[in-house]
Amino acid sequence: MTIRVLVVDDQAIVRDGLVTVLSLEPDLEVVGEAADGAAAIAMVDHDPPDVVLMDLRMPGTDGPTATAAITAAHPGVAVLVLTTYADDASIVGALRAGARGYLTKDAGRRELATAVRAVASGQATFDAGVGARLVAQLGAAPATQTVPDVVPEPPPAPAPRTVRDRFPELTPRETDVLERIAAGRTNPEIAAELFLTVPTVKSYVNQVFAKLGVRTRAEAVARVLR
């Protein structure tokens, strides 16, 4: 099955390189290029691809704004962020906007192709550096405190600092699964780490999604970072 990809980046030389790299994969087809978020939104509205490979910082309509518009209007379109930036605010902003994956431009051809396939199949995916930051965030204060221009009102008491404390509705095993989802683990990887079968992990994932009121792994990660 061919995965149709729209490449969005304001630098022409980067777009050309991405198109070349993706075109080498027999199951990936680049169906368009856009130099900014507004053009990307218009192209998706006209002919939705399977995956949008989205830069974050572009003149005019930026990546997070375009991601939010695309995922709201076309829930079946997966957005995979590919950017130079891996700071907490950029990661959190992209996930809140609805991105299903996050890679930096240090990613190689194989990693990029694998990530495109993963988000197209409904998985969340992050490169190693981003995954490490997500793991660090699991024990941090709510991520809204790191987003520029967002000044939350002081809470009456210190916020819970662990996933287990923040989501008491989850069982200990469901919490273990959620932590690994947030770290970008696949179901087989979670199964191996927790000594469970893959069908059992899928069952836990569904239970976690139901209790958190989310539909995708990316939405679950955004809840953890909130």
C-alpha atoms as a PDB file:
ATOM      1  CA  MET A   1       0.000   0.000   0.000  1.00  0.00           C
ATOM      2  CA  THR A   2       1.485   3.346  -1.045  1.00  0.00           C
ATOM      3  CA  ILE A   3       1.691   6.087   1.592  1.00  0.00           C
ATOM      4  CA  ARG A   4       1.075   9.554   0.138  1.00  0.00           C
ATOM      5  CA  VAL A   5       3.238  12.290   1.690  1.00  0.00           C
ATOM      6  CA  LEU A   6       3.084  16.092   1.564  1.00  0.00           C
ATOM      7  CA  VAL A   7       6.424  17.805   2.339  1.00  0.00           C
ATOM      8  CA  VAL A   8       6.226  21.194   4.088  1.00  0.00           C
ATOM      9  CA  ASP A   9       9.371  23.291   4.633  1.00  0.00           C
ATOM     10  CA  ASP A  10      10.217  26.900   3.844  1.00  0.00           C
ATOM     11  CA  GLN A  11      13.688  26.036   2.506  1.00  0.00           C
ATOM     12  CA  ALA A  12      13.635  24.819  -1.091  1.00  0.00           C
ATOM     13  CA  ILE A  13      16.880  22.860  -0.758  1.00  0.00           C
ATOM     14  CA  VAL A  14      15.473  20.974   2.253  1.00  0.00           C
ATOM     15  CA  ARG A  15      12.264  20.161   0.383  1.00  0.00           C
ATOM     16  CA  ASP A  16      14.260  18.922  -2.600  1.00  0.00           C
ATOM     17  CA  GLY A  17      16.347  16.671  -0.361  1.00  0.00           C
ATOM     18  CA  LEU A  18      13.324  15.254   1.427  1.00  0.00           C
ATOM     19  CA  VAL A  19      11.526  14.573  -1.836  1.00  0.00           C
ATOM     20  CA  THR A  20      14.578  12.748  -3.154  1.00  0.00           C
ATOM     21  CA  VAL A  21      15.032  10.680   0.008  1.00  0.00           C
ATOM     22  CA  LEU A  22      11.371   9.717   0.307  1.00  0.00           C
ATOM     23  CA  SER A  23      11.113   8.872  -3.391  1.00  0.00           C
ATOM     24  CA  LEU A  24      13.740   6.165  -2.895  1.00  0.00           C
ATOM     25  CA  GLU A  25      11.262   4.205  -0.764  1.00  0.00           C
ATOM     26  CA  PRO A  26       8.994   1.982  -2.902  1.00  0.00           C
ATOM     27  CA  ASP A  27       5.967   2.404  -0.627  1.00  0.00           C
ATOM     28  CA  LEU A  28       6.212   6.192  -0.204  1.00  0.00           C
ATOM     29  CA  GLU A  29       4.963   8.720  -2.749  1.00  0.00           C
ATOM     30  CA  VAL A  30       5.505  12.471  -2.441  1.00  0.00           C
ATOM     31  CA  VAL A  31       2.298  14.052  -3.725  1.00  0.00           C
ATOM     32  CA  GLY A  32       3.115  17.699  -3.065  1.00  0.00           C
ATOM     33  CA  GLU A  33       5.383  20.351  -1.585  1.00  0.00           C
ATOM     34  CA  ALA A  34       4.515  23.479   0.372  1.00  0.00           C
ATOM     35  CA  ALA A  35       6.732  26.348   1.516  1.00  0.00           C
ATOM     36  CA  ASP A  36       4.542  27.478   4.420  1.00  0.00           C
ATOM     37  CA  GLY A  37       1.668  26.414   6.618  1.00  0.00           C
ATOM     38  CA  ALA A  38      -1.033  28.251   4.708  1.00  0.00           C
ATOM     39  CA  ALA A  39      -0.106  26.499   1.462  1.00  0.00           C
ATOM     40  CA  ALA A  40      -0.019  23.174   3.296  1.00  0.00           C
ATOM     41  CA  ILE A  41      -3.524  23.682   4.689  1.00  0.00           C
ATOM     42  CA  ALA A  42      -4.862  24.532   1.227  1.00  0.00           C
ATOM     43  CA  MET A  43      -3.206  21.507  -0.364  1.00  0.00           C
ATOM     44  CA  VAL A  44      -4.532  19.135   2.303  1.00  0.00           C
ATOM     45  CA  ASP A  45      -8.028  20.573   1.905  1.00  0.00           C
ATOM     46  CA  HIS A  46      -7.828  19.987  -1.846  1.00  0.00           C
ATOM     47  CA  ASP A  47      -6.313  16.496  -1.792  1.00  0.00           C
ATOM     48  CA  PRO A  48      -5.606  15.008   1.661  1.00  0.00           C
ATOM     49  CA  PRO A  49      -2.412  12.935   1.823  1.00  0.00           C
ATOM     50  CA  ASP A  50      -1.773  10.169   4.330  1.00  0.00           C
ATOM     51  CA  VAL A  51       1.104  11.990   6.041  1.00  0.00           C
ATOM     52  CA  VAL A  52       2.203  15.622   6.221  1.00  0.00           C
ATOM     53  CA  LEU A  53       5.919  16.043   6.925  1.00  0.00           C
ATOM     54  CA  MET A  54       5.827  19.396   8.718  1.00  0.00           C
ATOM     55  CA  ASP A  55       8.526  21.919   9.579  1.00  0.00           C
ATOM     56  CA  LEU A  56       7.776  24.020  12.668  1.00  0.00           C
ATOM     57  CA  ARG A  57       9.214  27.475  12.154  1.00  0.00           C
ATOM     58  CA  MET A  58       8.196  29.056   8.879  1.00  0.00           C
ATOM     59  CA  PRO A  59       7.238  32.604   7.877  1.00  0.00           C
ATOM     60  CA  GLY A  60       3.535  33.334   7.822  1.00  0.00           C
ATOM     61  CA  THR A  61       1.525  30.382   9.075  1.00  0.00           C
ATOM     62  CA  ASP A  62       3.888  28.302  11.197  1.00  0.00           C
ATOM     63  CA  GLY A  63       3.973  24.546  11.686  1.00  0.00           C
ATOM     64  CA  PRO A  64       1.955  24.246  14.918  1.00  0.00           C
ATOM     65  CA  THR A  65      -0.813  26.476  13.541  1.00  0.00           C
ATOM     66  CA  ALA A  66      -0.977  24.490  10.308  1.00  0.00           C
ATOM     67  CA  THR A  67      -0.865  21.214  12.224  1.00  0.00           C
ATOM     68  CA  ALA A  68      -3.806  22.221  14.405  1.00  0.00           C
ATOM     69  CA  ALA A  69      -5.852  23.280  11.371  1.00  0.00           C
ATOM     70  CA  ILE A  70      -5.049  20.119   9.413  1.00  0.00           C
ATOM     71  CA  THR A  71      -5.705  17.649  12.222  1.00  0.00           C
ATOM     72  CA  ALA A  72      -8.962  19.396  13.153  1.00  0.00           C
ATOM     73  CA  ALA A  73     -10.311  19.350   9.597  1.00  0.00           C
ATOM     74  CA  HIS A  74      -8.785  16.015   8.539  1.00  0.00           C
ATOM     75  CA  PRO A  75      -8.412  13.634  11.514  1.00  0.00           C
ATOM     76  CA  GLY A  76      -7.252  10.864   9.199  1.00  0.00           C
ATOM     77  CA  VAL A  77      -4.195  12.830   8.069  1.00  0.00           C
ATOM     78  CA  ALA A  78      -1.119  12.187  10.232  1.00  0.00           C
ATOM     79  CA  VAL A  79       1.317  15.045  10.843  1.00  0.00           C
ATOM     80  CA  LEU A  80       4.964  14.136  11.401  1.00  0.00           C
ATOM     81  CA  VAL A  81       7.084  17.064  12.560  1.00  0.00           C
ATOM     82  CA  LEU A  82      10.606  17.303  11.123  1.00  0.00           C
ATOM     83  CA  THR A  83      12.470  20.256  12.589  1.00  0.00           C
ATOM     84  CA  THR A  84      15.794  21.562  13.809  1.00  0.00           C
ATOM     85  CA  TYR A  85      14.357  22.300  17.240  1.00  0.00           C
ATOM     86  CA  ALA A  86      13.964  19.828  20.105  1.00  0.00           C
ATOM     87  CA  ASP A  87      13.272  22.119  23.052  1.00  0.00           C
ATOM     88  CA  ASP A  88      10.424  21.309  25.428  1.00  0.00           C
ATOM     89  CA  ALA A  89       8.202  24.178  24.254  1.00  0.00           C
ATOM     90  CA  SER A  90       8.466  23.111  20.593  1.00  0.00           C
ATOM     91  CA  ILE A  91       7.758  19.451  21.384  1.00  0.00           C
ATOM     92  CA  VAL A  92       4.802  20.213  23.636  1.00  0.00           C
ATOM     93  CA  GLY A  93       3.381  22.758  21.202  1.00  0.00           C
ATOM     94  CA  ALA A  94       3.549  20.321  18.293  1.00  0.00           C
ATOM     95  CA  LEU A  95       1.914  17.499  20.233  1.00  0.00           C
ATOM     96  CA  ARG A  96      -0.843  19.751  21.512  1.00  0.00           C
ATOM     97  CA  ALA A  97      -1.486  20.859  17.956  1.00  0.00           C
ATOM     98  CA  GLY A  98      -2.075  17.223  17.024  1.00  0.00           C
ATOM     99  CA  ALA A  99       1.247  16.019  15.620  1.00  0.00           C
ATOM    100  CA  ARG A 100       1.558  12.244  15.736  1.00  0.00           C
ATOM    101  CA  GLY A 101       5.353  12.149  15.565  1.00  0.00           C
ATOM    102  CA  TYR A 102       8.403  14.344  16.101  1.00  0.00           C
ATOM    103  CA  LEU A 103      11.830  14.026  14.501  1.00  0.00           C
ATOM    104  CA  THR A 104      14.784  16.365  14.303  1.00  0.00           C
ATOM    105  CA  LYS A 105      16.603  16.977  11.053  1.00  0.00           C
ATOM    106  CA  ASP A 106      19.477  14.831  12.307  1.00  0.00           C
ATOM    107  CA  ALA A 107      17.337  11.808  11.409  1.00  0.00           C
ATOM    108  CA  GLY A 108      18.681   9.522   8.694  1.00  0.00           C
ATOM    109  CA  ARG A 109      16.847   8.170   5.672  1.00  0.00           C
ATOM    110  CA  ARG A 110      15.821   4.909   7.323  1.00  0.00           C
ATOM    111  CA  GLU A 111      14.629   6.603  10.503  1.00  0.00           C
ATOM    112  CA  LEU A 112      12.595   9.103   8.494  1.00  0.00           C
ATOM    113  CA  ALA A 113      10.975   6.428   6.323  1.00  0.00           C
ATOM    114  CA  THR A 114      10.199   4.286   9.374  1.00  0.00           C
ATOM    115  CA  ALA A 115       8.605   7.257  11.151  1.00  0.00           C
ATOM    116  CA  VAL A 116       6.435   8.074   8.120  1.00  0.00           C
ATOM    117  CA  ARG A 117       5.180   4.491   8.031  1.00  0.00           C
ATOM    118  CA  ALA A 118       4.572   4.504  11.796  1.00  0.00           C
ATOM    119  CA  VAL A 119       2.437   7.647  11.885  1.00  0.00           C
ATOM    120  CA  ALA A 120       0.558   6.517   8.771  1.00  0.00           C
ATOM    121  CA  SER A 121      -0.428   3.353  10.660  1.00  0.00           C
ATOM    122  CA  GLY A 122      -1.661   5.328  13.673  1.00  0.00           C
ATOM    123  CA  GLN A 123       1.383   5.068  15.922  1.00  0.00           C
ATOM    124  CA  ALA A 124       3.163   7.896  17.715  1.00  0.00           C
ATOM    125  CA  THR A 125       6.882   8.082  17.014  1.00  0.00           C
ATOM    126  CA  PHE A 126       9.770  10.197  18.296  1.00  0.00           C
ATOM    127  CA  ASP A 127      13.499  10.139  17.688  1.00  0.00           C
ATOM    128  CA  ALA A 128      15.818   9.133  20.515  1.00  0.00           C
ATOM    129  CA  GLY A 129      16.577  12.670  21.678  1.00  0.00           C
ATOM    130  CA  VAL A 130      12.940  13.705  21.758  1.00  0.00           C
ATOM    131  CA  GLY A 131      11.995  10.452  23.466  1.00  0.00           C
ATOM    132  CA  ALA A 132      14.551  11.170  26.184  1.00  0.00           C
ATOM    133  CA  ARG A 133      13.052  14.614  26.778  1.00  0.00           C
ATOM    134  CA  LEU A 134       9.583  13.089  27.006  1.00  0.00           C
ATOM    135  CA  VAL A 135      10.835  10.603  29.593  1.00  0.00           C
ATOM    136  CA  ALA A 136      12.317  13.490  31.584  1.00  0.00           C
ATOM    137  CA  GLN A 137       8.995  15.326  31.371  1.00  0.00           C
ATOM    138  CA  LEU A 138       7.164  12.415  33.008  1.00  0.00           C
ATOM    139  CA  GLY A 139       8.367  13.543  36.400  1.00  0.00           C
ATOM    140  CA  ALA A 140       8.243  17.262  35.697  1.00  0.00           C
ATOM    141  CA  ALA A 141       5.644  19.873  36.530  1.00  0.00           C
ATOM    142  CA  PRO A 142       2.825  20.332  33.980  1.00  0.00           C
ATOM    143  CA  ALA A 143       4.319  21.309  30.639  1.00  0.00           C
ATOM    144  CA  THR A 144       2.073  24.355  30.256  1.00  0.00           C
ATOM    145  CA  GLN A 145       4.541  26.133  32.497  1.00  0.00           C
ATOM    146  CA  THR A 146       7.237  25.907  29.809  1.00  0.00           C
ATOM    147  CA  VAL A 147       5.184  27.251  26.893  1.00  0.00           C
ATOM    148  CA  PRO A 148       5.989  30.897  26.081  1.00  0.00           C
ATOM    149  CA  ASP A 149       3.308  33.492  26.851  1.00  0.00           C
ATOM    150  CA  VAL A 150       1.286  31.035  28.926  1.00  0.00           C
ATOM    151  CA  VAL A 151       1.122  32.085  32.579  1.00  0.00           C
ATOM    152  CA  PRO A 152      -1.031  29.643  34.549  1.00  0.00           C
ATOM    153  CA  GLU A 153      -2.614  30.817  37.779  1.00  0.00           C
ATOM    154  CA  PRO A 154      -0.713  29.634  40.856  1.00  0.00           C
ATOM    155  CA  PRO A 155      -2.188  26.338  42.062  1.00  0.00           C
ATOM    156  CA  PRO A 156      -3.343  26.134  45.650  1.00  0.00           C
ATOM    157  CA  ALA A 157      -0.934  23.274  46.257  1.00  0.00           C
ATOM    158  CA  PRO A 158       2.071  21.779  44.472  1.00  0.00           C
ATOM    159  CA  ALA A 159       1.008  19.779  41.422  1.00  0.00           C
ATOM    160  CA  PRO A 160       1.572  16.002  41.502  1.00  0.00           C
ATOM    161  CA  ARG A 161       4.892  15.203  39.927  1.00  0.00           C
ATOM    162  CA  THR A 162       4.501  11.636  38.768  1.00  0.00           C
ATOM    163  CA  VAL A 163       2.308  10.019  36.154  1.00  0.00           C
ATOM    164  CA  ARG A 164       0.961   7.680  38.841  1.00  0.00           C
ATOM    165  CA  ASP A 165      -0.098  10.619  41.013  1.00  0.00           C
ATOM    166  CA  ARG A 166      -1.506  12.638  38.116  1.00  0.00           C
ATOM    167  CA  PHE A 167      -3.653   9.790  36.761  1.00  0.00           C
ATOM    168  CA  PRO A 168      -4.993   7.931  39.811  1.00  0.00           C
ATOM    169  CA  GLU A 169      -7.722   6.364  37.679  1.00  0.00           C
ATOM    170  CA  LEU A 170      -5.091   4.158  36.030  1.00  0.00           C
ATOM    171  CA  THR A 171      -3.979   0.869  37.512  1.00  0.00           C
ATOM    172  CA  PRO A 172      -0.228   0.418  38.169  1.00  0.00           C
ATOM    173  CA  ARG A 173       0.115  -1.688  35.015  1.00  0.00           C
ATOM    174  CA  GLU A 174      -1.803   0.859  32.933  1.00  0.00           C
ATOM    175  CA  THR A 175       0.528   3.545  34.284  1.00  0.00           C
ATOM    176  CA  ASP A 176       3.538   1.466  33.213  1.00  0.00           C
ATOM    177  CA  VAL A 177       2.070   1.255  29.720  1.00  0.00           C
ATOM    178  CA  LEU A 178       1.287   4.986  29.566  1.00  0.00           C
ATOM    179  CA  GLU A 179       4.831   5.904  30.585  1.00  0.00           C
ATOM    180  CA  ARG A 180       6.194   3.795  27.761  1.00  0.00           C
ATOM    181  CA  ILE A 181       3.727   5.204  25.251  1.00  0.00           C
ATOM    182  CA  ALA A 182       4.958   8.680  26.225  1.00  0.00           C
ATOM    183  CA  ALA A 183       8.528   7.523  25.660  1.00  0.00           C
ATOM    184  CA  GLY A 184       7.650   6.481  22.099  1.00  0.00           C
ATOM    185  CA  ARG A 185       7.700   2.716  22.618  1.00  0.00           C
ATOM    186  CA  THR A 186       5.777   0.479  20.206  1.00  0.00           C
ATOM    187  CA  ASN A 187       3.449  -2.246  21.468  1.00  0.00           C
ATOM    188  CA  PRO A 188       6.029  -5.015  20.843  1.00  0.00           C
ATOM    189  CA  GLU A 189       8.667  -2.999  22.715  1.00  0.00           C
ATOM    190  CA  ILE A 190       6.305  -2.439  25.641  1.00  0.00           C
ATOM    191  CA  ALA A 191       5.467  -6.138  25.654  1.00  0.00           C
ATOM    192  CA  ALA A 192       9.154  -7.061  25.813  1.00  0.00           C
ATOM    193  CA  GLU A 193       9.907  -4.594  28.615  1.00  0.00           C
ATOM    194  CA  LEU A 194       6.921  -5.592  30.754  1.00  0.00           C
ATOM    195  CA  PHE A 195       7.051  -9.324  29.927  1.00  0.00           C
ATOM    196  CA  LEU A 196       3.575  -9.289  28.419  1.00  0.00           C
ATOM    197  CA  THR A 197       2.108 -10.496  25.153  1.00  0.00           C
ATOM    198  CA  VAL A 198       1.414  -7.962  22.408  1.00  0.00           C
ATOM    199  CA  PRO A 199      -2.388  -8.595  22.548  1.00  0.00           C
ATOM    200  CA  THR A 200      -2.276  -7.933  26.301  1.00  0.00           C
ATOM    201  CA  VAL A 201      -0.449  -4.659  25.713  1.00  0.00           C
ATOM    202  CA  LYS A 202      -3.033  -3.665  23.097  1.00  0.00           C
ATOM    203  CA  SER A 203      -5.754  -4.303  25.670  1.00  0.00           C
ATOM    204  CA  TYR A 204      -3.962  -2.110  28.230  1.00  0.00           C
ATOM    205  CA  VAL A 205      -3.469   0.631  25.625  1.00  0.00           C
ATOM    206  CA  ASN A 206      -7.199   0.614  24.846  1.00  0.00           C
ATOM    207  CA  GLN A 207      -8.009   0.812  28.560  1.00  0.00           C
ATOM    208  CA  VAL A 208      -5.627   3.757  29.008  1.00  0.00           C
ATOM    209  CA  PHE A 209      -7.136   5.578  26.012  1.00  0.00           C
ATOM    210  CA  ALA A 210     -10.658   5.033  27.356  1.00  0.00           C
ATOM    211  CA  LYS A 211      -9.816   6.315  30.833  1.00  0.00           C
ATOM    212  CA  LEU A 212      -7.944   9.376  29.535  1.00  0.00           C
ATOM    213  CA  GLY A 213     -10.566  10.161  26.901  1.00  0.00           C
ATOM    214  CA  VAL A 214      -8.060  10.109  24.017  1.00  0.00           C
ATOM    215  CA  ARG A 215      -8.057   8.323  20.660  1.00  0.00           C
ATOM    216  CA  THR A 216      -4.399   8.256  19.636  1.00  0.00           C
ATOM    217  CA  ARG A 217      -0.974   7.748  21.164  1.00  0.00           C
ATOM    218  CA  ALA A 218      -0.058  11.352  20.367  1.00  0.00           C
ATOM    219  CA  GLU A 219      -3.100  12.597  22.314  1.00  0.00           C
ATOM    220  CA  ALA A 220      -2.073  10.383  25.223  1.00  0.00           C
ATOM    221  CA  VAL A 221       1.441  11.865  25.187  1.00  0.00           C
ATOM    222  CA  ALA A 222      -0.020  15.373  25.114  1.00  0.00           C
ATOM    223  CA  ARG A 223      -2.077  14.508  28.223  1.00  0.00           C
ATOM    224  CA  VAL A 224       1.065  13.382  30.012  1.00  0.00           C
ATOM    225  CA  LEU A 225       2.860  16.605  29.122  1.00  0.00           C
ATOM    226  CA  ARG A 226      -0.074  18.863  29.957  1.00  0.00           C
END
